[in-house]
Amino acid sequence: MKEFLSRTATTYGGRNGEIRDTNSGMTYKLAKPNEIGGKGLEGTNPEELFSVGYSSCFASSLEYLLQNAKVQYEDLYVKAETN
């Protein structure tokens, strides 16, 4: 049986806090969007991070399936929109 990757991230301070990834040590500054009462601070938000994560995981799954089926392709892309 294949072992799956496991990752851990922790959010500190809510919408205007930061996220720290335990494995890579990367830190992302969070800022609440203006549309939902934010103050125009610099940073990302959970909706953006979800779109990034979902589109990259889905693209990776497509790539795996195409390679397993020996389907030739030049490129692929997945666009995810989060509302």
C-alpha atoms as a PDB file:
ATOM      1  CA  MET A   1       0.000   0.000   0.000  1.00  0.00           C
ATOM      2  CA  LYS A   2       1.285   3.459  -0.912  1.00  0.00           C
ATOM      3  CA  GLU A   3       1.941   5.906   1.878  1.00  0.00           C
ATOM      4  CA  PHE A   4       0.273   9.290   1.441  1.00  0.00           C
ATOM      5  CA  LEU A   5       1.936  12.614   2.113  1.00  0.00           C
ATOM      6  CA  SER A   6       0.888  14.306   5.289  1.00  0.00           C
ATOM      7  CA  ARG A   7       1.335  18.032   5.872  1.00  0.00           C
ATOM      8  CA  THR A   8       0.554  20.276   8.804  1.00  0.00           C
ATOM      9  CA  ALA A   9      -0.073  24.012   8.864  1.00  0.00           C
ATOM     10  CA  THR A  10      -1.109  26.216  11.767  1.00  0.00           C
ATOM     11  CA  THR A  11      -2.932  29.546  11.584  1.00  0.00           C
ATOM     12  CA  TYR A  12      -2.163  32.164  14.215  1.00  0.00           C
ATOM     13  CA  GLY A  13      -4.324  35.249  14.681  1.00  0.00           C
ATOM     14  CA  GLY A  14      -7.260  34.485  12.392  1.00  0.00           C
ATOM     15  CA  ARG A  15      -7.995  36.487   9.229  1.00  0.00           C
ATOM     16  CA  ASN A  16      -5.251  39.049   9.863  1.00  0.00           C
ATOM     17  CA  GLY A  17      -2.710  36.615  11.263  1.00  0.00           C
ATOM     18  CA  GLU A  18      -0.323  34.209   9.586  1.00  0.00           C
ATOM     19  CA  ILE A  19      -0.083  30.594   8.525  1.00  0.00           C
ATOM     20  CA  ARG A  20       3.029  28.496   9.168  1.00  0.00           C
ATOM     21  CA  ASP A  21       3.688  25.262   7.312  1.00  0.00           C
ATOM     22  CA  THR A  22       5.350  22.790   9.669  1.00  0.00           C
ATOM     23  CA  ASN A  23       7.213  20.789   7.010  1.00  0.00           C
ATOM     24  CA  SER A  24       8.642  23.541   4.804  1.00  0.00           C
ATOM     25  CA  GLY A  25       8.755  26.327   7.388  1.00  0.00           C
ATOM     26  CA  MET A  26       7.036  28.662   4.938  1.00  0.00           C
ATOM     27  CA  THR A  27       4.987  31.473   6.444  1.00  0.00           C
ATOM     28  CA  TYR A  28       2.073  33.235   4.759  1.00  0.00           C
ATOM     29  CA  LYS A  29       0.743  36.540   6.034  1.00  0.00           C
ATOM     30  CA  LEU A  30      -3.057  36.698   6.081  1.00  0.00           C
ATOM     31  CA  ALA A  31      -5.211  39.751   5.405  1.00  0.00           C
ATOM     32  CA  LYS A  32      -8.988  39.925   5.459  1.00  0.00           C
ATOM     33  CA  PRO A  33     -10.244  41.045   2.017  1.00  0.00           C
ATOM     34  CA  ASN A  34     -11.755  44.538   1.759  1.00  0.00           C
ATOM     35  CA  GLU A  35     -14.971  42.972   0.437  1.00  0.00           C
ATOM     36  CA  ILE A  36     -15.671  41.408   3.832  1.00  0.00           C
ATOM     37  CA  GLY A  37     -14.532  44.243   6.067  1.00  0.00           C
ATOM     38  CA  GLY A  38     -10.763  44.111   5.676  1.00  0.00           C
ATOM     39  CA  LYS A  39      -8.540  47.139   6.177  1.00  0.00           C
ATOM     40  CA  GLY A  40      -6.466  46.846   2.990  1.00  0.00           C
ATOM     41  CA  LEU A  41      -3.585  45.009   4.660  1.00  0.00           C
ATOM     42  CA  GLU A  42      -1.096  43.107   2.523  1.00  0.00           C
ATOM     43  CA  GLY A  43      -1.413  39.337   2.525  1.00  0.00           C
ATOM     44  CA  THR A  44      -3.369  36.395   1.217  1.00  0.00           C
ATOM     45  CA  ASN A  45      -6.617  34.879   2.443  1.00  0.00           C
ATOM     46  CA  PRO A  46      -7.999  31.352   2.924  1.00  0.00           C
ATOM     47  CA  GLU A  47     -10.071  31.544  -0.269  1.00  0.00           C
ATOM     48  CA  GLU A  48      -6.978  32.264  -2.361  1.00  0.00           C
ATOM     49  CA  LEU A  49      -5.050  29.484  -0.649  1.00  0.00           C
ATOM     50  CA  PHE A  50      -7.915  27.036  -1.210  1.00  0.00           C
ATOM     51  CA  SER A  51      -8.007  27.878  -4.946  1.00  0.00           C
ATOM     52  CA  VAL A  52      -4.239  27.400  -5.218  1.00  0.00           C
ATOM     53  CA  GLY A  53      -4.285  24.098  -3.342  1.00  0.00           C
ATOM     54  CA  TYR A  54      -7.320  22.670  -5.115  1.00  0.00           C
ATOM     55  CA  SER A  55      -6.178  23.566  -8.626  1.00  0.00           C
ATOM     56  CA  SER A  56      -2.663  22.203  -8.082  1.00  0.00           C
ATOM     57  CA  CYS A  57      -3.892  18.934  -6.517  1.00  0.00           C
ATOM     58  CA  PHE A  58      -6.478  18.424  -9.258  1.00  0.00           C
ATOM     59  CA  ALA A  59      -3.869  19.115 -11.973  1.00  0.00           C
ATOM     60  CA  SER A  60      -1.518  16.641 -10.309  1.00  0.00           C
ATOM     61  CA  SER A  61      -4.268  13.988 -10.304  1.00  0.00           C
ATOM     62  CA  LEU A  62      -4.999  14.602 -13.986  1.00  0.00           C
ATOM     63  CA  GLU A  63      -1.310  14.308 -14.804  1.00  0.00           C
ATOM     64  CA  TYR A  64      -1.108  11.000 -12.911  1.00  0.00           C
ATOM     65  CA  LEU A  65      -4.139   9.583 -14.735  1.00  0.00           C
ATOM     66  CA  LEU A  66      -2.894  10.703 -18.157  1.00  0.00           C
ATOM     67  CA  GLN A  67       0.544   9.202 -17.567  1.00  0.00           C
ATOM     68  CA  ASN A  68      -0.928   5.925 -16.262  1.00  0.00           C
ATOM     69  CA  ALA A  69      -3.175   5.663 -19.325  1.00  0.00           C
ATOM     70  CA  LYS A  70      -0.177   6.525 -21.551  1.00  0.00           C
ATOM     71  CA  VAL A  71      -2.092   9.455 -23.052  1.00  0.00           C
ATOM     72  CA  GLN A  72       0.136  11.952 -24.849  1.00  0.00           C
ATOM     73  CA  TYR A  73      -0.393  15.597 -23.901  1.00  0.00           C
ATOM     74  CA  GLU A  74       1.607  18.776 -24.265  1.00  0.00           C
ATOM     75  CA  ASP A  75       0.353  20.708 -21.269  1.00  0.00           C
ATOM     76  CA  LEU A  76      -2.532  20.941 -18.871  1.00  0.00           C
ATOM     77  CA  TYR A  77      -4.004  23.575 -16.608  1.00  0.00           C
ATOM     78  CA  VAL A  78      -6.725  23.746 -14.016  1.00  0.00           C
ATOM     79  CA  LYS A  79      -8.401  27.007 -13.065  1.00  0.00           C
ATOM     80  CA  ALA A  80     -10.181  27.100  -9.706  1.00  0.00           C
ATOM     81  CA  GLU A  81     -12.422  29.991  -8.699  1.00  0.00           C
ATOM     82  CA  THR A  82     -13.459  30.354  -5.074  1.00  0.00           C
ATOM     83  CA  ASN A  83     -16.363  32.572  -4.059  1.00  0.00           C
END
